Amino acid sequence: MANPEPSKSIKEQIEGWGNSSFAPTGLATLITALHWRPFQVRPMIFVPILLFSSYSNLQGFKIDSAGMTAAASGTYALLAMRRRAPSFKSRFSIRGVVRGAAIGIAAVNMVAAGWVYANGDREKEKEERKNNPRWVE
């Protein structure tokens, strides 16, 4: 029988979320679903920023990517929380649930990516990029 994996500490879970390239991509997907039709320019500005953040994370720039993710996610969460749903019933519609999920993921991204950006070791990241090049034949 296989040994169970030891549980991760809260700090390790936060760092894992902050280092993930999936979190900004997921948020960009939810923002697109909410604001594509009818097209709303201001929220859609965050989509290319979040997708570029995910791309730079995959290229090995995890700390810088975490900084971009934290800034974009936090700004989107603040702007999205300013608007109130018209009624209590509309908060539990499909659109209301997606909006709540987007704000929740944005808040978690802001905290986790902010933690990674504040506590990241740039020398270690630079050495990791040097030892594991992405686009070398």
N, C-alpha and C. Protein backbone atom coordinates (compact mmCIF):
# COMPACT_ATOMS: atom_id res chain seq x y z
N MET A 1 0.84 -1.17 0.00
CA MET A 1 0.00 0.00 0.00
C MET A 1 0.89 1.24 0.00
N ALA A 2 0.53 2.20 -0.79
CA ALA A 2 1.33 3.42 -0.93
C ALA A 2 1.21 4.29 0.31
N ASN A 3 2.30 4.96 0.61
CA ASN A 3 2.27 5.89 1.73
C ASN A 3 1.52 7.15 1.31
N PRO A 4 0.65 7.65 2.17
CA PRO A 4 -0.07 8.88 1.81
C PRO A 4 0.89 10.07 1.82
N GLU A 5 0.59 11.04 0.95
CA GLU A 5 1.40 12.24 0.89
C GLU A 5 1.21 13.05 2.16
N PRO A 6 2.29 13.60 2.71
CA PRO A 6 2.11 14.46 3.88
C PRO A 6 1.35 15.72 3.49
N SER A 7 0.51 16.18 4.39
CA SER A 7 -0.29 17.37 4.07
C SER A 7 0.61 18.60 4.02
N LYS A 8 0.24 19.52 3.14
CA LYS A 8 1.03 20.74 2.97
C LYS A 8 0.59 21.78 3.98
N SER A 9 1.53 22.60 4.38
CA SER A 9 1.20 23.69 5.30
C SER A 9 0.48 24.79 4.53
N ILE A 10 -0.11 25.71 5.25
CA ILE A 10 -0.81 26.84 4.62
C ILE A 10 0.16 27.64 3.76
N LYS A 11 1.36 27.85 4.26
CA LYS A 11 2.37 28.62 3.51
C LYS A 11 2.68 27.94 2.18
N GLU A 12 2.84 26.63 2.17
CA GLU A 12 3.13 25.89 0.94
C GLU A 12 1.95 25.95 -0.03
N GLN A 13 0.73 25.90 0.48
CA GLN A 13 -0.44 26.00 -0.39
C GLN A 13 -0.55 27.38 -1.02
N ILE A 14 -0.28 28.43 -0.23
CA ILE A 14 -0.32 29.79 -0.76
C ILE A 14 0.76 29.98 -1.83
N GLU A 15 1.97 29.48 -1.56
CA GLU A 15 3.04 29.60 -2.55
C GLU A 15 2.74 28.79 -3.81
N GLY A 16 2.11 27.64 -3.65
CA GLY A 16 1.72 26.84 -4.81
C GLY A 16 0.71 27.56 -5.67
N TRP A 17 -0.28 28.21 -5.03
CA TRP A 17 -1.28 28.96 -5.79
C TRP A 17 -0.64 30.18 -6.45
N GLY A 18 0.23 30.87 -5.74
CA GLY A 18 0.87 32.06 -6.28
C GLY A 18 1.83 31.77 -7.41
N ASN A 19 2.43 30.58 -7.41
CA ASN A 19 3.36 30.18 -8.47
C ASN A 19 2.67 29.52 -9.65
N SER A 20 1.39 29.28 -9.54
CA SER A 20 0.66 28.57 -10.58
C SER A 20 0.38 29.47 -11.77
N SER A 21 0.50 28.91 -12.98
CA SER A 21 0.12 29.66 -14.18
C SER A 21 -1.36 29.48 -14.47
N PHE A 22 -2.00 28.55 -13.79
CA PHE A 22 -3.42 28.28 -14.02
C PHE A 22 -4.32 29.36 -13.41
N ALA A 23 -3.93 29.91 -12.28
CA ALA A 23 -4.79 30.88 -11.58
C ALA A 23 -5.09 32.12 -12.41
N PRO A 24 -4.10 32.80 -13.03
CA PRO A 24 -4.46 33.96 -13.85
C PRO A 24 -5.23 33.58 -15.11
N THR A 25 -4.97 32.40 -15.66
CA THR A 25 -5.70 31.96 -16.84
C THR A 25 -7.16 31.68 -16.51
N GLY A 26 -7.40 31.06 -15.36
CA GLY A 26 -8.78 30.81 -14.93
C GLY A 26 -9.54 32.09 -14.69
N LEU A 27 -8.89 33.06 -14.06
CA LEU A 27 -9.54 34.35 -13.83
C LEU A 27 -9.82 35.06 -15.15
N ALA A 28 -8.88 35.01 -16.09
CA ALA A 28 -9.10 35.63 -17.40
C ALA A 28 -10.28 34.99 -18.12
N THR A 29 -10.44 33.68 -17.96
CA THR A 29 -11.57 32.99 -18.57
C THR A 29 -12.89 33.46 -17.97
N LEU A 30 -12.95 33.59 -16.66
CA LEU A 30 -14.18 34.05 -16.01
C LEU A 30 -14.50 35.50 -16.36
N ILE A 31 -13.47 36.34 -16.43
CA ILE A 31 -13.69 37.74 -16.80
C ILE A 31 -14.24 37.82 -18.23
N THR A 32 -13.69 37.01 -19.13
CA THR A 32 -14.18 37.00 -20.50
C THR A 32 -15.63 36.54 -20.56
N ALA A 33 -15.96 35.51 -19.80
CA ALA A 33 -17.34 35.02 -19.79
C ALA A 33 -18.31 36.08 -19.28
N LEU A 34 -17.89 36.88 -18.34
CA LEU A 34 -18.78 37.90 -17.77
C LEU A 34 -18.91 39.14 -18.64
N HIS A 35 -17.83 39.57 -19.26
CA HIS A 35 -17.81 40.89 -19.87
C HIS A 35 -17.68 40.90 -21.38
N TRP A 36 -17.80 39.76 -22.04
CA TRP A 36 -17.68 39.72 -23.49
C TRP A 36 -18.95 40.22 -24.18
N ARG A 37 -20.12 39.74 -23.69
CA ARG A 37 -21.39 40.16 -24.27
C ARG A 37 -22.30 40.67 -23.20
N PRO A 38 -22.71 41.90 -23.19
CA PRO A 38 -22.23 42.98 -24.05
C PRO A 38 -20.79 43.34 -23.68
N PHE A 39 -20.03 43.70 -24.69
CA PHE A 39 -18.60 43.95 -24.50
C PHE A 39 -18.40 45.16 -23.59
N GLN A 40 -17.59 44.96 -22.54
CA GLN A 40 -17.26 46.03 -21.59
C GLN A 40 -15.74 46.19 -21.61
N VAL A 41 -15.29 47.37 -21.99
CA VAL A 41 -13.87 47.59 -22.24
C VAL A 41 -13.05 47.52 -20.96
N ARG A 42 -13.49 48.22 -19.91
CA ARG A 42 -12.65 48.30 -18.70
C ARG A 42 -12.33 46.95 -18.08
N PRO A 43 -13.29 46.06 -17.86
CA PRO A 43 -12.90 44.76 -17.30
C PRO A 43 -12.09 43.90 -18.26
N MET A 44 -12.34 44.06 -19.56
CA MET A 44 -11.62 43.24 -20.53
C MET A 44 -10.16 43.65 -20.70
N ILE A 45 -9.78 44.80 -20.17
CA ILE A 45 -8.38 45.22 -20.19
C ILE A 45 -7.52 44.25 -19.38
N PHE A 46 -8.10 43.62 -18.37
CA PHE A 46 -7.32 42.74 -17.49
C PHE A 46 -7.02 41.39 -18.13
N VAL A 47 -7.78 40.98 -19.13
CA VAL A 47 -7.59 39.65 -19.73
C VAL A 47 -6.21 39.50 -20.37
N PRO A 48 -5.77 40.40 -21.27
CA PRO A 48 -4.42 40.20 -21.83
C PRO A 48 -3.31 40.32 -20.79
N ILE A 49 -3.52 41.13 -19.78
CA ILE A 49 -2.51 41.25 -18.71
C ILE A 49 -2.37 39.93 -17.98
N LEU A 50 -3.51 39.31 -17.64
CA LEU A 50 -3.48 38.03 -16.93
C LEU A 50 -2.92 36.92 -17.81
N LEU A 51 -3.26 36.91 -19.09
CA LEU A 51 -2.72 35.88 -19.98
C LEU A 51 -1.21 36.05 -20.18
N PHE A 52 -0.74 37.28 -20.28
CA PHE A 52 0.71 37.51 -20.38
C PHE A 52 1.41 37.09 -19.09
N SER A 53 0.76 37.32 -17.96
CA SER A 53 1.32 36.89 -16.68
C SER A 53 1.47 35.37 -16.65
N SER A 54 0.47 34.67 -17.14
CA SER A 54 0.54 33.21 -17.20
C SER A 54 1.67 32.76 -18.13
N TYR A 55 1.81 33.42 -19.27
CA TYR A 55 2.87 33.09 -20.22
C TYR A 55 4.25 33.32 -19.61
N SER A 56 4.42 34.46 -18.94
CA SER A 56 5.74 34.74 -18.34
C SER A 56 6.04 33.77 -17.21
N ASN A 57 5.02 33.29 -16.53
CA ASN A 57 5.22 32.27 -15.50
C ASN A 57 5.75 30.99 -16.13
N LEU A 58 5.18 30.60 -17.26
CA LEU A 58 5.64 29.39 -17.94
C LEU A 58 7.04 29.53 -18.50
N GLN A 59 7.48 30.75 -18.74
CA GLN A 59 8.83 31.00 -19.25
C GLN A 59 9.87 31.02 -18.14
N GLY A 60 9.43 30.91 -16.88
CA GLY A 60 10.38 30.85 -15.77
C GLY A 60 10.45 32.11 -14.92
N PHE A 61 9.69 33.12 -15.26
CA PHE A 61 9.70 34.36 -14.48
C PHE A 61 8.55 34.32 -13.47
N LYS A 62 8.65 33.43 -12.51
CA LYS A 62 7.55 33.20 -11.57
C LYS A 62 7.31 34.37 -10.62
N ILE A 63 8.36 35.02 -10.16
CA ILE A 63 8.20 36.12 -9.20
C ILE A 63 7.59 37.34 -9.89
N ASP A 64 8.11 37.69 -11.06
CA ASP A 64 7.56 38.83 -11.79
C ASP A 64 6.12 38.55 -12.23
N SER A 65 5.86 37.31 -12.62
CA SER A 65 4.51 36.92 -13.00
C SER A 65 3.57 37.04 -11.80
N ALA A 66 4.04 36.66 -10.63
CA ALA A 66 3.22 36.78 -9.43
C ALA A 66 2.89 38.24 -9.14
N GLY A 67 3.84 39.13 -9.36
CA GLY A 67 3.58 40.55 -9.16
C GLY A 67 2.52 41.09 -10.10
N MET A 68 2.62 40.70 -11.38
CA MET A 68 1.60 41.14 -12.35
C MET A 68 0.24 40.56 -12.02
N THR A 69 0.21 39.29 -11.61
CA THR A 69 -1.05 38.64 -11.28
C THR A 69 -1.68 39.31 -10.07
N ALA A 70 -0.88 39.60 -9.05
CA ALA A 70 -1.41 40.23 -7.84
C ALA A 70 -1.99 41.61 -8.16
N ALA A 71 -1.27 42.39 -8.95
CA ALA A 71 -1.74 43.73 -9.28
C ALA A 71 -3.02 43.70 -10.11
N ALA A 72 -3.05 42.88 -11.15
CA ALA A 72 -4.22 42.82 -12.02
C ALA A 72 -5.42 42.22 -11.29
N SER A 73 -5.19 41.16 -10.52
CA SER A 73 -6.29 40.51 -9.80
C SER A 73 -6.87 41.42 -8.73
N GLY A 74 -6.02 42.09 -7.99
CA GLY A 74 -6.50 43.00 -6.96
C GLY A 74 -7.27 44.17 -7.52
N THR A 75 -6.78 44.72 -8.62
CA THR A 75 -7.48 45.85 -9.24
C THR A 75 -8.83 45.40 -9.79
N TYR A 76 -8.86 44.22 -10.43
CA TYR A 76 -10.14 43.72 -10.94
C TYR A 76 -11.12 43.47 -9.79
N ALA A 77 -10.65 42.88 -8.71
CA ALA A 77 -11.54 42.59 -7.57
C ALA A 77 -12.12 43.89 -7.01
N LEU A 78 -11.29 44.91 -6.86
CA LEU A 78 -11.79 46.20 -6.35
C LEU A 78 -12.83 46.81 -7.28
N LEU A 79 -12.55 46.78 -8.58
CA LEU A 79 -13.51 47.36 -9.53
C LEU A 79 -14.80 46.54 -9.60
N ALA A 80 -14.68 45.22 -9.52
CA ALA A 80 -15.87 44.38 -9.60
C ALA A 80 -16.73 44.48 -8.34
N MET A 81 -16.11 44.70 -7.19
CA MET A 81 -16.89 44.82 -5.95
C MET A 81 -17.60 46.16 -5.84
N ARG A 82 -17.21 47.14 -6.62
CA ARG A 82 -17.89 48.43 -6.59
C ARG A 82 -19.32 48.32 -7.09
N ARG A 83 -19.53 47.47 -8.09
CA ARG A 83 -20.87 47.32 -8.65
C ARG A 83 -21.68 46.36 -7.79
N ARG A 84 -22.86 46.74 -7.45
CA ARG A 84 -23.74 45.88 -6.66
C ARG A 84 -24.74 45.19 -7.57
N ALA A 85 -25.06 43.97 -7.24
CA ALA A 85 -26.10 43.26 -7.98
C ALA A 85 -27.44 43.93 -7.70
N PRO A 86 -28.32 44.04 -8.71
CA PRO A 86 -29.57 44.77 -8.52
C PRO A 86 -30.49 44.19 -7.44
N SER A 87 -30.53 42.89 -7.32
CA SER A 87 -31.41 42.31 -6.31
C SER A 87 -30.75 41.08 -5.69
N PHE A 88 -31.31 40.64 -4.59
CA PHE A 88 -30.77 39.48 -3.90
C PHE A 88 -30.91 38.23 -4.77
N LYS A 89 -31.99 38.14 -5.51
CA LYS A 89 -32.25 36.97 -6.35
C LYS A 89 -31.24 36.85 -7.48
N SER A 90 -30.79 37.99 -8.03
CA SER A 90 -29.85 37.94 -9.16
C SER A 90 -28.45 37.49 -8.73
N ARG A 91 -28.16 37.52 -7.45
CA ARG A 91 -26.84 37.05 -6.99
C ARG A 91 -26.70 35.55 -7.13
N PHE A 92 -27.81 34.84 -7.17
CA PHE A 92 -27.78 33.39 -7.26
C PHE A 92 -28.16 32.88 -8.64
N SER A 93 -28.14 33.76 -9.63
CA SER A 93 -28.29 33.32 -11.01
C SER A 93 -26.94 32.78 -11.48
N ILE A 94 -26.92 32.23 -12.68
CA ILE A 94 -25.65 31.70 -13.21
C ILE A 94 -24.62 32.82 -13.31
N ARG A 95 -25.05 33.96 -13.83
CA ARG A 95 -24.14 35.09 -13.97
C ARG A 95 -23.65 35.58 -12.61
N GLY A 96 -24.52 35.59 -11.61
CA GLY A 96 -24.14 36.02 -10.27
C GLY A 96 -23.13 35.08 -9.63
N VAL A 97 -23.31 33.79 -9.85
CA VAL A 97 -22.37 32.80 -9.30
C VAL A 97 -21.01 32.93 -9.98
N VAL A 98 -21.01 33.13 -11.31
CA VAL A 98 -19.74 33.30 -12.03
C VAL A 98 -19.05 34.59 -11.56
N ARG A 99 -19.83 35.65 -11.36
CA ARG A 99 -19.26 36.91 -10.87
C ARG A 99 -18.64 36.72 -9.48
N GLY A 100 -19.35 36.02 -8.62
CA GLY A 100 -18.81 35.75 -7.28
C GLY A 100 -17.55 34.92 -7.32
N ALA A 101 -17.54 33.93 -8.21
CA ALA A 101 -16.33 33.10 -8.36
C ALA A 101 -15.17 33.93 -8.88
N ALA A 102 -15.44 34.82 -9.83
CA ALA A 102 -14.37 35.66 -10.38
C ALA A 102 -13.80 36.58 -9.31
N ILE A 103 -14.67 37.18 -8.51
CA ILE A 103 -14.18 38.06 -7.43
C ILE A 103 -13.42 37.26 -6.39
N GLY A 104 -13.91 36.08 -6.07
CA GLY A 104 -13.22 35.22 -5.09
C GLY A 104 -11.86 34.78 -5.56
N ILE A 105 -11.77 34.33 -6.81
CA ILE A 105 -10.49 33.91 -7.37
C ILE A 105 -9.54 35.10 -7.46
N ALA A 106 -10.07 36.27 -7.83
CA ALA A 106 -9.23 37.47 -7.90
C ALA A 106 -8.65 37.81 -6.53
N ALA A 107 -9.47 37.69 -5.48
CA ALA A 107 -8.98 37.98 -4.13
C ALA A 107 -7.91 36.98 -3.69
N VAL A 108 -8.15 35.71 -3.96
CA VAL A 108 -7.16 34.68 -3.60
C VAL A 108 -5.88 34.87 -4.41
N ASN A 109 -6.01 35.18 -5.70
CA ASN A 109 -4.84 35.46 -6.52
C ASN A 109 -4.04 36.62 -5.96
N MET A 110 -4.74 37.67 -5.54
CA MET A 110 -4.06 38.86 -5.03
C MET A 110 -3.24 38.50 -3.78
N VAL A 111 -3.83 37.75 -2.88
CA VAL A 111 -3.12 37.39 -1.64
C VAL A 111 -1.96 36.43 -1.92
N ALA A 112 -2.23 35.36 -2.66
CA ALA A 112 -1.20 34.34 -2.90
C ALA A 112 -0.07 34.87 -3.78
N ALA A 113 -0.42 35.54 -4.86
CA ALA A 113 0.63 36.06 -5.74
C ALA A 113 1.39 37.20 -5.07
N GLY A 114 0.71 37.99 -4.26
CA GLY A 114 1.40 39.03 -3.50
C GLY A 114 2.40 38.44 -2.52
N TRP A 115 2.03 37.33 -1.91
CA TRP A 115 2.94 36.64 -0.98
C TRP A 115 4.18 36.14 -1.73
N VAL A 116 3.97 35.52 -2.88
CA VAL A 116 5.10 35.00 -3.67
C VAL A 116 5.99 36.15 -4.14
N TYR A 117 5.38 37.25 -4.57
CA TYR A 117 6.16 38.40 -5.04
C TYR A 117 6.97 39.02 -3.91
N ALA A 118 6.38 39.11 -2.73
CA ALA A 118 7.06 39.74 -1.60
C ALA A 118 8.17 38.86 -1.04
N ASN A 119 7.99 37.55 -1.09
CA ASN A 119 8.95 36.63 -0.46
C ASN A 119 9.79 35.84 -1.46
N GLY A 120 9.74 36.20 -2.74
CA GLY A 120 10.47 35.44 -3.75
C GLY A 120 11.96 35.68 -3.70
N ASP A 121 12.72 34.65 -4.06
CA ASP A 121 14.17 34.72 -4.12
C ASP A 121 14.58 34.82 -5.59
N ARG A 122 14.93 36.03 -6.02
CA ARG A 122 15.24 36.27 -7.43
C ARG A 122 16.51 35.56 -7.88
N GLU A 123 17.49 35.45 -7.01
CA GLU A 123 18.73 34.76 -7.37
C GLU A 123 18.48 33.28 -7.63
N LYS A 124 17.67 32.66 -6.79
CA LYS A 124 17.33 31.25 -6.97
C LYS A 124 16.55 31.05 -8.28
N GLU A 125 15.62 31.98 -8.56
CA GLU A 125 14.84 31.89 -9.80
C GLU A 125 15.74 32.06 -11.03
N LYS A 126 16.68 32.99 -10.95
CA LYS A 126 17.60 33.21 -12.07
C LYS A 126 18.46 31.98 -12.31
N GLU A 127 18.92 31.37 -11.25
CA GLU A 127 19.72 30.15 -11.37
C GLU A 127 18.89 29.00 -11.96
N GLU A 128 17.64 28.91 -11.56
CA GLU A 128 16.75 27.88 -12.09
C GLU A 128 16.50 28.08 -13.59
N ARG A 129 16.33 29.33 -14.02
CA ARG A 129 16.16 29.61 -15.45
C ARG A 129 17.42 29.27 -16.23
N LYS A 130 18.58 29.53 -15.63
CA LYS A 130 19.85 29.26 -16.30
C LYS A 130 20.08 27.75 -16.43
N ASN A 131 19.72 26.98 -15.41
CA ASN A 131 19.92 25.54 -15.43
C ASN A 131 18.87 24.78 -16.25
N ASN A 132 17.70 25.37 -16.41
CA ASN A 132 16.61 24.72 -17.14
C ASN A 132 16.09 25.65 -18.25
N PRO A 133 16.86 25.84 -19.30
CA PRO A 133 16.40 26.72 -20.38
C PRO A 133 15.18 26.13 -21.08
N ARG A 134 14.24 26.99 -21.47
CA ARG A 134 12.99 26.53 -22.07
C ARG A 134 13.08 26.31 -23.57
N TRP A 135 13.79 27.15 -24.28
CA TRP A 135 13.75 27.11 -25.75
C TRP A 135 15.12 26.85 -26.34
N VAL A 136 15.79 25.81 -25.87
CA VAL A 136 17.12 25.46 -26.39
C VAL A 136 17.01 24.12 -27.08
N GLU A 137 17.68 24.00 -28.22
CA GLU A 137 17.64 22.73 -28.97
C GLU A 137 18.56 21.71 -28.38
